[in-house]
Amino acid sequence: GEKFREAVRKVIAAGLPADAMLGALTRDAAKLLGADSQLGRVKAGLAAHFVVTDGDFAAEKTKYKWAFSDGVRFDLSLDAPAPVAVAEAAPA
């Protein structure tokens, strides 16, 4: 969460351009994991896992608005109801 975003801001402040940081967190990470044919970019046919913010992704005051996972939108605003976890039954 917030400690991760703080680390991102520190790296950018140290000189890494924000667009290079975003690429490192998305496209480059997917490539390192050997999953770049499925992840890392917003493109038709690829899995869609990303967040939408109300400003620059690295800015301290930026808030998360939504997260998308395989096309399902999750509201991350503070006034949104908390998601309900569904427990799976243990195998018999």
C-alpha atoms as a PDB file:
ATOM      1  CA  GLY A   1       0.000   0.000   0.000  1.00  0.00           C
ATOM      2  CA  GLU A   2       1.269   3.347   1.084  1.00  0.00           C
ATOM      3  CA  LYS A   3       4.862   2.246   1.829  1.00  0.00           C
ATOM      4  CA  PHE A   4       5.123   0.890  -1.716  1.00  0.00           C
ATOM      5  CA  ARG A   5       3.862   4.177  -3.183  1.00  0.00           C
ATOM      6  CA  GLU A   6       6.345   6.049  -0.967  1.00  0.00           C
ATOM      7  CA  ALA A   7       9.175   3.913  -2.376  1.00  0.00           C
ATOM      8  CA  VAL A   8       7.958   4.644  -5.930  1.00  0.00           C
ATOM      9  CA  ARG A   9       8.027   8.378  -5.204  1.00  0.00           C
ATOM     10  CA  LYS A  10      11.572   8.112  -3.802  1.00  0.00           C
ATOM     11  CA  VAL A  11      12.839   6.356  -6.932  1.00  0.00           C
ATOM     12  CA  ILE A  12      11.236   8.994  -9.158  1.00  0.00           C
ATOM     13  CA  ALA A  13      12.655  11.785  -6.982  1.00  0.00           C
ATOM     14  CA  ALA A  14      16.087  10.167  -7.358  1.00  0.00           C
ATOM     15  CA  GLY A  15      15.847  10.602 -11.128  1.00  0.00           C
ATOM     16  CA  LEU A  16      13.968   7.720 -12.756  1.00  0.00           C
ATOM     17  CA  PRO A  17      11.347   9.241 -15.090  1.00  0.00           C
ATOM     18  CA  ALA A  18       7.759   8.491 -14.027  1.00  0.00           C
ATOM     19  CA  ASP A  19       6.962   6.824 -17.364  1.00  0.00           C
ATOM     20  CA  ALA A  20       9.973   4.503 -16.927  1.00  0.00           C
ATOM     21  CA  MET A  21       8.754   3.644 -13.407  1.00  0.00           C
ATOM     22  CA  LEU A  22       5.278   2.853 -14.713  1.00  0.00           C
ATOM     23  CA  GLY A  23       6.797   0.632 -17.403  1.00  0.00           C
ATOM     24  CA  ALA A  24       8.939  -1.140 -14.794  1.00  0.00           C
ATOM     25  CA  LEU A  25       5.845  -1.862 -12.684  1.00  0.00           C
ATOM     26  CA  THR A  26       3.792  -3.152 -15.621  1.00  0.00           C
ATOM     27  CA  ARG A  27       5.245  -4.115 -19.001  1.00  0.00           C
ATOM     28  CA  ASP A  28       8.793  -4.819 -17.791  1.00  0.00           C
ATOM     29  CA  ALA A  29       7.636  -6.831 -14.763  1.00  0.00           C
ATOM     30  CA  ALA A  30       5.415  -8.981 -16.988  1.00  0.00           C
ATOM     31  CA  LYS A  31       8.340  -9.582 -19.349  1.00  0.00           C
ATOM     32  CA  LEU A  32      10.670 -10.576 -16.480  1.00  0.00           C
ATOM     33  CA  LEU A  33       8.054 -13.084 -15.314  1.00  0.00           C
ATOM     34  CA  GLY A  34       7.643 -14.487 -18.820  1.00  0.00           C
ATOM     35  CA  ALA A  35       4.001 -13.375 -18.825  1.00  0.00           C
ATOM     36  CA  ASP A  36       4.206 -10.488 -21.292  1.00  0.00           C
ATOM     37  CA  SER A  37       2.040 -12.335 -23.811  1.00  0.00           C
ATOM     38  CA  GLN A  38      -0.801 -12.150 -21.244  1.00  0.00           C
ATOM     39  CA  LEU A  39      -0.037  -9.193 -18.919  1.00  0.00           C
ATOM     40  CA  GLY A  40       1.657  -5.832 -18.655  1.00  0.00           C
ATOM     41  CA  ARG A  41      -0.250  -3.761 -21.205  1.00  0.00           C
ATOM     42  CA  VAL A  42      -3.803  -2.573 -21.793  1.00  0.00           C
ATOM     43  CA  LYS A  43      -4.623  -4.346 -25.036  1.00  0.00           C
ATOM     44  CA  ALA A  44      -7.531  -6.361 -26.402  1.00  0.00           C
ATOM     45  CA  GLY A  45      -7.042 -10.050 -25.644  1.00  0.00           C
ATOM     46  CA  LEU A  46      -4.797  -9.547 -22.608  1.00  0.00           C
ATOM     47  CA  ALA A  47      -5.846  -9.962 -18.983  1.00  0.00           C
ATOM     48  CA  ALA A  48      -6.993  -6.618 -17.598  1.00  0.00           C
ATOM     49  CA  HIS A  49      -5.610  -5.966 -14.113  1.00  0.00           C
ATOM     50  CA  PHE A  50      -5.075  -2.281 -13.345  1.00  0.00           C
ATOM     51  CA  VAL A  51      -6.040   0.615 -11.096  1.00  0.00           C
ATOM     52  CA  VAL A  52      -7.541   4.006 -11.924  1.00  0.00           C
ATOM     53  CA  THR A  53      -6.475   7.008  -9.872  1.00  0.00           C
ATOM     54  CA  ASP A  54      -7.687  10.596  -9.582  1.00  0.00           C
ATOM     55  CA  GLY A  55      -4.288  11.990 -10.577  1.00  0.00           C
ATOM     56  CA  ASP A  56      -0.658  11.173 -11.251  1.00  0.00           C
ATOM     57  CA  PHE A  57      -0.033   7.611 -10.055  1.00  0.00           C
ATOM     58  CA  ALA A  58       3.059   8.652  -8.106  1.00  0.00           C
ATOM     59  CA  ALA A  59       1.747  11.843  -6.485  1.00  0.00           C
ATOM     60  CA  GLU A  60       1.387  11.674  -2.710  1.00  0.00           C
ATOM     61  CA  LYS A  61      -2.188  13.017  -2.651  1.00  0.00           C
ATOM     62  CA  THR A  62      -3.451  10.818  -5.488  1.00  0.00           C
ATOM     63  CA  LYS A  63      -6.273   8.496  -4.452  1.00  0.00           C
ATOM     64  CA  TYR A  64      -7.187   5.137  -5.932  1.00  0.00           C
ATOM     65  CA  LYS A  65     -10.667   5.173  -7.503  1.00  0.00           C
ATOM     66  CA  TRP A  66     -11.146   1.722  -8.971  1.00  0.00           C
ATOM     67  CA  ALA A  67      -9.311  -1.539  -9.521  1.00  0.00           C
ATOM     68  CA  PHE A  68     -10.125  -3.788 -12.453  1.00  0.00           C
ATOM     69  CA  SER A  69      -9.433  -7.501 -12.490  1.00  0.00           C
ATOM     70  CA  ASP A  70     -10.424  -9.515 -15.572  1.00  0.00           C
ATOM     71  CA  GLY A  71     -12.944  -6.838 -16.487  1.00  0.00           C
ATOM     72  CA  VAL A  72     -14.586  -6.647 -13.043  1.00  0.00           C
ATOM     73  CA  ARG A  73     -14.532  -3.173 -11.453  1.00  0.00           C
ATOM     74  CA  PHE A  74     -13.911  -2.771  -7.721  1.00  0.00           C
ATOM     75  CA  ASP A  75     -14.709   0.613  -6.154  1.00  0.00           C
ATOM     76  CA  LEU A  76     -11.802   1.733  -3.960  1.00  0.00           C
ATOM     77  CA  SER A  77     -13.257   5.042  -2.799  1.00  0.00           C
ATOM     78  CA  LEU A  78     -13.411   5.583   0.941  1.00  0.00           C
ATOM     79  CA  ASP A  79     -17.209   5.772   0.955  1.00  0.00           C
ATOM     80  CA  ALA A  80     -17.704   2.550  -1.004  1.00  0.00           C
ATOM     81  CA  PRO A  81     -18.994  -0.484   0.901  1.00  0.00           C
ATOM     82  CA  ALA A  82     -16.279  -2.957   1.814  1.00  0.00           C
ATOM     83  CA  PRO A  83     -16.041  -5.956  -0.519  1.00  0.00           C
ATOM     84  CA  VAL A  84     -17.462  -9.154   0.870  1.00  0.00           C
ATOM     85  CA  ALA A  85     -15.147 -12.158   0.876  1.00  0.00           C
ATOM     86  CA  VAL A  86     -16.670 -15.469  -0.109  1.00  0.00           C
ATOM     87  CA  ALA A  87     -15.223 -18.498   1.669  1.00  0.00           C
ATOM     88  CA  GLU A  88     -14.891 -21.678  -0.308  1.00  0.00           C
ATOM     89  CA  ALA A  89     -15.895 -24.957   1.264  1.00  0.00           C
ATOM     90  CA  ALA A  90     -13.028 -27.240   2.189  1.00  0.00           C
ATOM     91  CA  PRO A  91     -12.744 -30.381   0.047  1.00  0.00           C
ATOM     92  CA  ALA A  92     -14.360 -33.423   1.621  1.00  0.00           C
END
